[in-house]
Amino acid sequence: RAAKAAIDGGSELPQEKGLELEARCYALTLPTSDRLEAL
């Protein structure tokens, strides 16, 4: 869901702004138990 949001929200933005959105979407995954399960 975060990857979809980053692509949809950032693809029409200037790259700098798109990268900022990508970072915010990435941050959503860090506290998840799924990330720890993947590791």
PDB file of all heavy atoms in Angstrom:
ATOM      1  N   ARG A   1       0.828  -1.206   0.000  1.00  0.00           N
ATOM      2  CA  ARG A   1       0.000   0.000   0.000  1.00  0.00           C
ATOM      3  C   ARG A   1       0.864   1.259   0.000  1.00  0.00           C
ATOM      4  O   ARG A   1       0.552   2.250  -0.672  1.00  0.00           O
ATOM      5  CB  ARG A   1      -0.953  -0.010   1.195  1.00  0.00           C
ATOM      6  CG  ARG A   1      -1.990  -1.119   1.149  1.00  0.00           C
ATOM      7  CD  ARG A   1      -3.116  -0.876   2.154  1.00  0.00           C
ATOM      8  NE  ARG A   1      -2.655  -0.847   3.525  1.00  0.00           N
ATOM      9  CZ  ARG A   1      -2.596  -1.907   4.335  1.00  0.00           C
ATOM     10  NH1 ARG A   1      -2.924  -3.109   3.885  1.00  0.00           N
ATOM     11  NH2 ARG A   1      -2.184  -1.783   5.580  1.00  0.00           N
ATOM     12  N   ALA A   2       1.963   1.231   0.756  1.00  0.00           N
ATOM     13  CA  ALA A   2       2.846   2.395   0.815  1.00  0.00           C
ATOM     14  C   ALA A   2       3.542   2.631  -0.530  1.00  0.00           C
ATOM     15  O   ALA A   2       3.694   3.778  -0.967  1.00  0.00           O
ATOM     16  CB  ALA A   2       3.887   2.208   1.917  1.00  0.00           C
ATOM     17  N   ALA A   3       3.944   1.548  -1.191  1.00  0.00           N
ATOM     18  CA  ALA A   3       4.586   1.688  -2.508  1.00  0.00           C
ATOM     19  C   ALA A   3       3.606   2.257  -3.526  1.00  0.00           C
ATOM     20  O   ALA A   3       3.954   3.128  -4.339  1.00  0.00           O
ATOM     21  CB  ALA A   3       5.114   0.336  -2.967  1.00  0.00           C
ATOM     22  N   LYS A   4       2.365   1.772  -3.487  1.00  0.00           N
ATOM     23  CA  LYS A   4       1.344   2.300  -4.395  1.00  0.00           C
ATOM     24  C   LYS A   4       1.130   3.786  -4.144  1.00  0.00           C
ATOM     25  O   LYS A   4       1.067   4.583  -5.095  1.00  0.00           O
ATOM     26  CB  LYS A   4       0.030   1.541  -4.214  1.00  0.00           C
ATOM     27  CG  LYS A   4      -1.130   2.157  -4.988  1.00  0.00           C
ATOM     28  CD  LYS A   4      -2.435   1.399  -4.856  1.00  0.00           C
ATOM     29  CE  LYS A   4      -3.572   2.191  -5.479  1.00  0.00           C
ATOM     30  NZ  LYS A   4      -4.827   1.455  -5.585  1.00  0.00           N
ATOM     31  N   ALA A   5       1.034   4.184  -2.877  1.00  0.00           N
ATOM     32  CA  ALA A   5       0.821   5.589  -2.543  1.00  0.00           C
ATOM     33  C   ALA A   5       1.994   6.450  -3.002  1.00  0.00           C
ATOM     34  O   ALA A   5       1.800   7.577  -3.487  1.00  0.00           O
ATOM     35  CB  ALA A   5       0.607   5.742  -1.037  1.00  0.00           C
ATOM     36  N   ALA A   6       3.214   5.929  -2.871  1.00  0.00           N
ATOM     37  CA  ALA A   6       4.390   6.691  -3.295  1.00  0.00           C
ATOM     38  C   ALA A   6       4.405   6.900  -4.808  1.00  0.00           C
ATOM     39  O   ALA A   6       4.701   7.988  -5.300  1.00  0.00           O
ATOM     40  CB  ALA A   6       5.665   5.972  -2.843  1.00  0.00           C
ATOM     41  N   ILE A   7       4.063   5.857  -5.548  1.00  0.00           N
ATOM     42  CA  ILE A   7       4.040   5.964  -7.008  1.00  0.00           C
ATOM     43  C   ILE A   7       2.939   6.905  -7.462  1.00  0.00           C
ATOM     44  O   ILE A   7       3.162   7.829  -8.260  1.00  0.00           O
ATOM     45  CB  ILE A   7       3.864   4.577  -7.650  1.00  0.00           C
ATOM     46  CG1 ILE A   7       5.067   3.686  -7.339  1.00  0.00           C
ATOM     47  CG2 ILE A   7       3.693   4.703  -9.166  1.00  0.00           C
ATOM     48  CD1 ILE A   7       4.844   2.219  -7.679  1.00  0.00           C
ATOM     49  N   ASP A   8       1.720   6.685  -6.943  1.00  0.00           N
ATOM     50  CA  ASP A   8       0.583   7.493  -7.376  1.00  0.00           C
ATOM     51  C   ASP A   8       0.746   8.954  -6.982  1.00  0.00           C
ATOM     52  O   ASP A   8       0.438   9.855  -7.764  1.00  0.00           O
ATOM     53  CB  ASP A   8      -0.715   6.947  -6.773  1.00  0.00           C
ATOM     54  CG  ASP A   8      -1.166   5.648  -7.428  1.00  0.00           C
ATOM     55  OD1 ASP A   8      -0.630   5.301  -8.491  1.00  0.00           O
ATOM     56  OD2 ASP A   8      -2.051   4.974  -6.863  1.00  0.00           O
ATOM     57  N   GLY A   9       1.206   9.178  -5.772  1.00  0.00           N
ATOM     58  CA  GLY A   9       1.320  10.551  -5.295  1.00  0.00           C
ATOM     59  C   GLY A   9       2.525  11.287  -5.812  1.00  0.00           C
ATOM     60  O   GLY A   9       2.520  12.518  -5.920  1.00  0.00           O
ATOM     61  N   GLY A  10       3.586  10.549  -6.160  1.00  0.00           N
ATOM     62  CA  GLY A  10       4.833  11.206  -6.528  1.00  0.00           C
ATOM     63  C   GLY A  10       5.123  11.308  -7.998  1.00  0.00           C
ATOM     64  O   GLY A  10       5.981  12.106  -8.419  1.00  0.00           O
ATOM     65  N   SER A  11       4.425  10.540  -8.822  1.00  0.00           N
ATOM     66  CA  SER A  11       4.806  10.469 -10.241  1.00  0.00           C
ATOM     67  C   SER A  11       4.603  11.779 -10.996  1.00  0.00           C
ATOM     68  O   SER A  11       5.262  12.018 -12.002  1.00  0.00           O
ATOM     69  CB  SER A  11       4.025   9.348 -10.940  1.00  0.00           C
ATOM     70  OG  SER A  11       2.627   9.559 -10.831  1.00  0.00           O
ATOM     71  N   GLU A  12       3.701  12.627 -10.527  1.00  0.00           N
ATOM     72  CA  GLU A  12       3.472  13.915 -11.189  1.00  0.00           C
ATOM     73  C   GLU A  12       4.155  15.077 -10.477  1.00  0.00           C
ATOM     74  O   GLU A  12       4.024  16.235 -10.889  1.00  0.00           O
ATOM     75  CB  GLU A  12       1.964  14.191 -11.291  1.00  0.00           C
ATOM     76  CG  GLU A  12       1.180  13.112 -12.023  1.00  0.00           C
ATOM     77  CD  GLU A  12       1.670  12.872 -13.439  1.00  0.00           C
ATOM     78  OE1 GLU A  12       2.024  13.855 -14.113  1.00  0.00           O
ATOM     79  OE2 GLU A  12       1.713  11.693 -13.859  1.00  0.00           O
ATOM     80  N   LEU A  13       4.884  14.787  -9.412  1.00  0.00           N
ATOM     81  CA  LEU A  13       5.597  15.821  -8.668  1.00  0.00           C
ATOM     82  C   LEU A  13       7.002  16.017  -9.216  1.00  0.00           C
ATOM     83  O   LEU A  13       7.551  15.109  -9.856  1.00  0.00           O
ATOM     84  CB  LEU A  13       5.697  15.428  -7.188  1.00  0.00           C
ATOM     85  CG  LEU A  13       4.401  15.320  -6.381  1.00  0.00           C
ATOM     86  CD1 LEU A  13       4.720  14.826  -4.963  1.00  0.00           C
ATOM     87  CD2 LEU A  13       3.687  16.654  -6.318  1.00  0.00           C
ATOM     88  N   PRO A  14       7.623  17.172  -8.982  1.00  0.00           N
ATOM     89  CA  PRO A  14       9.065  17.287  -9.237  1.00  0.00           C
ATOM     90  C   PRO A  14       9.797  16.205  -8.451  1.00  0.00           C
ATOM     91  O   PRO A  14       9.346  15.814  -7.364  1.00  0.00           O
ATOM     92  CB  PRO A  14       9.406  18.691  -8.722  1.00  0.00           C
ATOM     93  CG  PRO A  14       8.106  19.444  -8.747  1.00  0.00           C
ATOM     94  CD  PRO A  14       7.046  18.413  -8.455  1.00  0.00           C
ATOM     95  N   GLN A  15      10.910  15.714  -8.973  1.00  0.00           N
ATOM     96  CA  GLN A  15      11.574  14.566  -8.357  1.00  0.00           C
ATOM     97  C   GLN A  15      11.909  14.810  -6.895  1.00  0.00           C
ATOM     98  O   GLN A  15      11.767  13.907  -6.058  1.00  0.00           O
ATOM     99  CB  GLN A  15      12.839  14.199  -9.130  1.00  0.00           C
ATOM    100  CG  GLN A  15      13.535  12.962  -8.554  1.00  0.00           C
ATOM    101  CD  GLN A  15      14.578  12.400  -9.478  1.00  0.00           C
ATOM    102  OE1 GLN A  15      14.303  12.092 -10.633  1.00  0.00           O
ATOM    103  NE2 GLN A  15      15.795  12.293  -8.982  1.00  0.00           N
ATOM    104  N   GLU A  16      12.340  16.016  -6.560  1.00  0.00           N
ATOM    105  CA  GLU A  16      12.694  16.294  -5.163  1.00  0.00           C
ATOM    106  C   GLU A  16      11.508  16.075  -4.240  1.00  0.00           C
ATOM    107  O   GLU A  16      11.632  15.454  -3.171  1.00  0.00           O
ATOM    108  CB  GLU A  16      13.205  17.733  -5.037  1.00  0.00           C
ATOM    109  CG  GLU A  16      13.600  18.110  -3.617  1.00  0.00           C
ATOM    110  CD  GLU A  16      14.070  19.555  -3.502  1.00  0.00           C
ATOM    111  OE1 GLU A  16      14.108  20.256  -4.538  1.00  0.00           O
ATOM    112  OE2 GLU A  16      14.382  19.985  -2.376  1.00  0.00           O
ATOM    113  N   LYS A  17      10.333  16.570  -4.661  1.00  0.00           N
ATOM    114  CA  LYS A  17       9.137  16.390  -3.853  1.00  0.00           C
ATOM    115  C   LYS A  17       8.694  14.926  -3.841  1.00  0.00           C
ATOM    116  O   LYS A  17       8.203  14.424  -2.832  1.00  0.00           O
ATOM    117  CB  LYS A  17       8.013  17.274  -4.390  1.00  0.00           C
ATOM    118  CG  LYS A  17       8.293  18.763  -4.286  1.00  0.00           C
ATOM    119  CD  LYS A  17       8.419  19.216  -2.838  1.00  0.00           C
ATOM    120  CE  LYS A  17       8.611  20.706  -2.740  1.00  0.00           C
ATOM    121  NZ  LYS A  17       8.794  21.158  -1.321  1.00  0.00           N
ATOM    122  N   GLY A  18       8.859  14.256  -4.980  1.00  0.00           N
ATOM    123  CA  GLY A  18       8.524  12.843  -5.043  1.00  0.00           C
ATOM    124  C   GLY A  18       9.374  12.016  -4.102  1.00  0.00           C
ATOM    125  O   GLY A  18       8.874  11.074  -3.456  1.00  0.00           O
ATOM    126  N   LEU A  19      10.644  12.351  -4.005  1.00  0.00           N
ATOM    127  CA  LEU A  19      11.531  11.625  -3.100  1.00  0.00           C
ATOM    128  C   LEU A  19      11.166  11.868  -1.640  1.00  0.00           C
ATOM    129  O   LEU A  19      11.296  10.973  -0.799  1.00  0.00           O
ATOM    130  CB  LEU A  19      12.992  12.040  -3.356  1.00  0.00           C
ATOM    131  CG  LEU A  19      13.574  11.555  -4.689  1.00  0.00           C
ATOM    132  CD1 LEU A  19      14.923  12.201  -4.948  1.00  0.00           C
ATOM    133  CD2 LEU A  19      13.697  10.037  -4.700  1.00  0.00           C
ATOM    134  N   GLU A  20      10.691  13.077  -1.352  1.00  0.00           N
ATOM    135  CA  GLU A  20      10.231  13.351   0.015  1.00  0.00           C
ATOM    136  C   GLU A  20       9.012  12.497   0.339  1.00  0.00           C
ATOM    137  O   GLU A  20       8.904  11.959   1.460  1.00  0.00           O
ATOM    138  CB  GLU A  20       9.897  14.841   0.157  1.00  0.00           C
ATOM    139  CG  GLU A  20      11.112  15.752   0.098  1.00  0.00           C
ATOM    140  CD  GLU A  20      10.738  17.222   0.102  1.00  0.00           C
ATOM    141  OE1 GLU A  20       9.522  17.533   0.182  1.00  0.00           O
ATOM    142  OE2 GLU A  20      11.652  18.060   0.029  1.00  0.00           O
ATOM    143  N   LEU A  21       8.099  12.376  -0.622  1.00  0.00           N
ATOM    144  CA  LEU A  21       6.934  11.522  -0.404  1.00  0.00           C
ATOM    145  C   LEU A  21       7.361  10.070  -0.241  1.00  0.00           C
ATOM    146  O   LEU A  21       6.839   9.362   0.635  1.00  0.00           O
ATOM    147  CB  LEU A  21       5.962  11.661  -1.581  1.00  0.00           C
ATOM    148  CG  LEU A  21       4.748  10.722  -1.552  1.00  0.00           C
ATOM    149  CD1 LEU A  21       3.894  10.967  -0.311  1.00  0.00           C
ATOM    150  CD2 LEU A  21       3.910  10.890  -2.815  1.00  0.00           C
ATOM    151  N   GLU A  22       8.291   9.618  -1.052  1.00  0.00           N
ATOM    152  CA  GLU A  22       8.787   8.250  -0.930  1.00  0.00           C
ATOM    153  C   GLU A  22       9.334   8.001   0.474  1.00  0.00           C
ATOM    154  O   GLU A  22       9.076   6.946   1.082  1.00  0.00           O
ATOM    155  CB  GLU A  22       9.873   7.998  -1.968  1.00  0.00           C
ATOM    156  CG  GLU A  22      10.468   6.596  -1.903  1.00  0.00           C
ATOM    157  CD  GLU A  22      11.642   6.434  -2.852  1.00  0.00           C
ATOM    158  OE1 GLU A  22      12.757   6.880  -2.500  1.00  0.00           O
ATOM    159  OE2 GLU A  22      11.431   5.881  -3.942  1.00  0.00           O
ATOM    160  N   ALA A  23      10.072   8.965   1.008  1.00  0.00           N
ATOM    161  CA  ALA A  23      10.639   8.802   2.347  1.00  0.00           C
ATOM    162  C   ALA A  23       9.536   8.683   3.399  1.00  0.00           C
ATOM    163  O   ALA A  23       9.649   7.884   4.340  1.00  0.00           O
ATOM    164  CB  ALA A  23      11.562   9.983   2.666  1.00  0.00           C
ATOM    165  N   ARG A  24       8.479   9.470   3.243  1.00  0.00           N
ATOM    166  CA  ARG A  24       7.375   9.386   4.208  1.00  0.00           C
ATOM    167  C   ARG A  24       6.667   8.034   4.103  1.00  0.00           C
ATOM    168  O   ARG A  24       6.281   7.444   5.124  1.00  0.00           O
ATOM    169  CB  ARG A  24       6.386  10.530   3.971  1.00  0.00           C
ATOM    170  CG  ARG A  24       6.944  11.908   4.277  1.00  0.00           C
ATOM    171  CD  ARG A  24       5.846  12.954   4.385  1.00  0.00           C
ATOM    172  NE  ARG A  24       5.116  13.136   3.140  1.00  0.00           N
ATOM    173  CZ  ARG A  24       5.492  13.969   2.164  1.00  0.00           C
ATOM    174  NH1 ARG A  24       6.607  14.680   2.295  1.00  0.00           N
ATOM    175  NH2 ARG A  24       4.755  14.100   1.071  1.00  0.00           N
ATOM    176  N   CYS A  25       6.503   7.540   2.878  1.00  0.00           N
ATOM    177  CA  CYS A  25       5.871   6.235   2.701  1.00  0.00           C
ATOM    178  C   CYS A  25       6.758   5.114   3.236  1.00  0.00           C
ATOM    179  O   CYS A  25       6.261   4.144   3.827  1.00  0.00           O
ATOM    180  CB  CYS A  25       5.548   6.012   1.211  1.00  0.00           C
ATOM    181  SG  CYS A  25       4.229   7.083   0.582  1.00  0.00           S
ATOM    182  N   TYR A  26       8.063   5.240   3.029  1.00  0.00           N
ATOM    183  CA  TYR A  26       8.997   4.250   3.563  1.00  0.00           C
ATOM    184  C   TYR A  26       8.901   4.196   5.087  1.00  0.00           C
ATOM    185  O   TYR A  26       8.913   3.106   5.693  1.00  0.00           O
ATOM    186  CB  TYR A  26      10.426   4.597   3.134  1.00  0.00           C
ATOM    187  CG  TYR A  26      11.444   3.520   3.411  1.00  0.00           C
ATOM    188  CD1 TYR A  26      11.906   2.684   2.405  1.00  0.00           C
ATOM    189  CD2 TYR A  26      11.959   3.324   4.700  1.00  0.00           C
ATOM    190  CE1 TYR A  26      12.827   1.693   2.650  1.00  0.00           C
ATOM    191  CE2 TYR A  26      12.893   2.342   4.965  1.00  0.00           C
ATOM    192  CZ  TYR A  26      13.322   1.527   3.932  1.00  0.00           C
ATOM    193  OH  TYR A  26      14.246   0.543   4.181  1.00  0.00           O
ATOM    194  N   ALA A  27       8.778   5.373   5.689  1.00  0.00           N
ATOM    195  CA  ALA A  27       8.736   5.443   7.148  1.00  0.00           C
ATOM    196  C   ALA A  27       7.534   4.688   7.718  1.00  0.00           C
ATOM    197  O   ALA A  27       7.591   4.191   8.850  1.00  0.00           O
ATOM    198  CB  ALA A  27       8.693   6.905   7.600  1.00  0.00           C
ATOM    199  N   LEU A  28       6.476   4.567   6.936  1.00  0.00           N
ATOM    200  CA  LEU A  28       5.299   3.835   7.402  1.00  0.00           C
ATOM    201  C   LEU A  28       5.588   2.347   7.607  1.00  0.00           C
ATOM    202  O   LEU A  28       4.915   1.682   8.390  1.00  0.00           O
ATOM    203  CB  LEU A  28       4.155   3.994   6.398  1.00  0.00           C
ATOM    204  CG  LEU A  28       3.607   5.403   6.195  1.00  0.00           C
ATOM    205  CD1 LEU A  28       2.578   5.404   5.070  1.00  0.00           C
ATOM    206  CD2 LEU A  28       2.987   5.943   7.478  1.00  0.00           C
ATOM    207  N   THR A  29       6.573   1.825   6.901  1.00  0.00           N
ATOM    208  CA  THR A  29       6.879   0.396   6.988  1.00  0.00           C
ATOM    209  C   THR A  29       7.813   0.050   8.150  1.00  0.00           C
ATOM    210  O   THR A  29       7.859  -1.108   8.564  1.00  0.00           O
ATOM    211  CB  THR A  29       7.514  -0.104   5.674  1.00  0.00           C
ATOM    212  OG1 THR A  29       8.839   0.458   5.523  1.00  0.00           O
ATOM    213  CG2 THR A  29       6.671   0.287   4.464  1.00  0.00           C
ATOM    214  N   LEU A  30       8.551   1.039   8.644  1.00  0.00           N
ATOM    215  CA  LEU A  30       9.594   0.745   9.633  1.00  0.00           C
ATOM    216  C   LEU A  30       9.068   0.185  10.951  1.00  0.00           C
ATOM    217  O   LEU A  30       9.667  -0.750  11.503  1.00  0.00           O
ATOM    218  CB  LEU A  30      10.444   2.003   9.889  1.00  0.00           C
ATOM    219  CG  LEU A  30      11.310   2.437   8.705  1.00  0.00           C
ATOM    220  CD1 LEU A  30      12.053   3.723   9.051  1.00  0.00           C
ATOM    221  CD2 LEU A  30      12.304   1.338   8.327  1.00  0.00           C
ATOM    222  N   PRO A  31       7.975   0.698  11.510  1.00  0.00           N
ATOM    223  CA  PRO A  31       7.522   0.175  12.808  1.00  0.00           C
ATOM    224  C   PRO A  31       6.664  -1.078  12.711  1.00  0.00           C
ATOM    225  O   PRO A  31       6.122  -1.523  13.734  1.00  0.00           O
ATOM    226  CB  PRO A  31       6.718   1.350  13.379  1.00  0.00           C
ATOM    227  CG  PRO A  31       6.151   2.035  12.180  1.00  0.00           C
ATOM    228  CD  PRO A  31       7.189   1.891  11.099  1.00  0.00           C
ATOM    229  N   THR A  32       6.524  -1.682  11.538  1.00  0.00           N
ATOM    230  CA  THR A  32       5.599  -2.804  11.398  1.00  0.00           C
ATOM    231  C   THR A  32       6.220  -4.120  11.842  1.00  0.00           C
ATOM    232  O   THR A  32       7.424  -4.356  11.682  1.00  0.00           O
ATOM    233  CB  THR A  32       5.140  -2.943   9.933  1.00  0.00           C
ATOM    234  OG1 THR A  32       6.250  -3.262   9.098  1.00  0.00           O
ATOM    235  CG2 THR A  32       4.491  -1.663   9.430  1.00  0.00           C
ATOM    236  N   SER A  33       5.380  -4.982  12.349  1.00  0.00           N
ATOM    237  CA  SER A  33       5.839  -6.330  12.692  1.00  0.00           C
ATOM    238  C   SER A  33       6.130  -7.134  11.425  1.00  0.00           C
ATOM    239  O   SER A  33       6.941  -8.071  11.464  1.00  0.00           O
ATOM    240  CB  SER A  33       4.778  -7.041  13.551  1.00  0.00           C
ATOM    241  OG  SER A  33       3.541  -7.102  12.875  1.00  0.00           O
ATOM    242  N   ASP A  34       5.488  -6.782  10.318  1.00  0.00           N
ATOM    243  CA  ASP A  34       5.774  -7.474   9.052  1.00  0.00           C
ATOM    244  C   ASP A  34       7.235  -7.308   8.652  1.00  0.00           C
ATOM    245  O   ASP A  34       7.852  -8.245   8.122  1.00  0.00           O
ATOM    246  CB  ASP A  34       4.881  -6.929   7.938  1.00  0.00           C
ATOM    247  CG  ASP A  34       3.481  -7.525   7.965  1.00  0.00           C
ATOM    248  OD1 ASP A  34       3.260  -8.483   8.727  1.00  0.00           O
ATOM    249  OD2 ASP A  34       2.619  -7.031   7.217  1.00  0.00           O
ATOM    250  N   ARG A  35       7.804  -6.126   8.884  1.00  0.00           N
ATOM    251  CA  ARG A  35       9.213  -5.910   8.525  1.00  0.00           C
ATOM    252  C   ARG A  35      10.124  -6.816   9.342  1.00  0.00           C
ATOM    253  O   ARG A  35      11.075  -7.424   8.815  1.00  0.00           O
ATOM    254  CB  ARG A  35       9.584  -4.441   8.740  1.00  0.00           C
ATOM    255  CG  ARG A  35      11.008  -4.096   8.285  1.00  0.00           C
ATOM    256  CD  ARG A  35      11.326  -2.633   8.546  1.00  0.00           C
ATOM    257  NE  ARG A  35      11.408  -2.348   9.967  1.00  0.00           N
ATOM    258  CZ  ARG A  35      12.511  -2.519  10.700  1.00  0.00           C
ATOM    259  NH1 ARG A  35      13.628  -2.986  10.163  1.00  0.00           N
ATOM    260  NH2 ARG A  35      12.520  -2.221  11.983  1.00  0.00           N
ATOM    261  N   LEU A  36       9.811  -6.957  10.618  1.00  0.00           N
ATOM    262  CA  LEU A  36      10.612  -7.841  11.471  1.00  0.00           C
ATOM    263  C   LEU A  36      10.418  -9.299  11.066  1.00  0.00           C
ATOM    264  O   LEU A  36      11.364 -10.092  11.091  1.00  0.00           O
ATOM    265  CB  LEU A  36      10.221  -7.637  12.940  1.00  0.00           C
ATOM    266  CG  LEU A  36      10.443  -6.227  13.495  1.00  0.00           C
ATOM    267  CD1 LEU A  36       9.984  -6.147  14.942  1.00  0.00           C
ATOM    268  CD2 LEU A  36      11.905  -5.819  13.356  1.00  0.00           C
ATOM    269  N   GLU A  37       9.200  -9.656  10.691  1.00  0.00           N
ATOM    270  CA  GLU A  37       8.923 -11.014  10.228  1.00  0.00           C
ATOM    271  C   GLU A  37       9.700 -11.308   8.952  1.00  0.00           C
ATOM    272  O   GLU A  37      10.226 -12.415   8.780  1.00  0.00           O
ATOM    273  CB  GLU A  37       7.425 -11.181   9.991  1.00  0.00           C
ATOM    274  CG  GLU A  37       7.017 -12.384   9.151  1.00  0.00           C
ATOM    275  CD  GLU A  37       7.355 -13.730   9.774  1.00  0.00           C
ATOM    276  OE1 GLU A  37       7.748 -13.767  10.963  1.00  0.00           O
ATOM    277  OE2 GLU A  37       7.225 -14.757   9.078  1.00  0.00           O
ATOM    278  N   ALA A  38       9.804 -10.342   8.047  1.00  0.00           N
ATOM    279  CA  ALA A  38      10.556 -10.548   6.805  1.00  0.00           C
ATOM    280  C   ALA A  38      12.029 -10.797   7.099  1.00  0.00           C
ATOM    281  O   ALA A  38      12.657 -11.681   6.484  1.00  0.00           O
ATOM    282  CB  ALA A  38      10.402  -9.332   5.886  1.00  0.00           C
ATOM    283  N   LEU A  39      12.591 -10.058   8.049  1.00  0.00           N
ATOM    284  CA  LEU A  39      14.000 -10.256   8.420  1.00  0.00           C
ATOM    285  C   LEU A  39      14.206 -11.624   9.066  1.00  0.00           C
ATOM    286  O   LEU A  39      15.182 -12.324   8.777  1.00  0.00           O
ATOM    287  CB  LEU A  39      14.447  -9.147   9.369  1.00  0.00           C
ATOM    288  CG  LEU A  39      14.522  -7.732   8.770  1.00  0.00           C
ATOM    289  CD1 LEU A  39      14.834  -6.717   9.863  1.00  0.00           C
ATOM    290  CD2 LEU A  39      15.572  -7.675   7.677  1.00  0.00           C
TER     291      LEU A  39
END
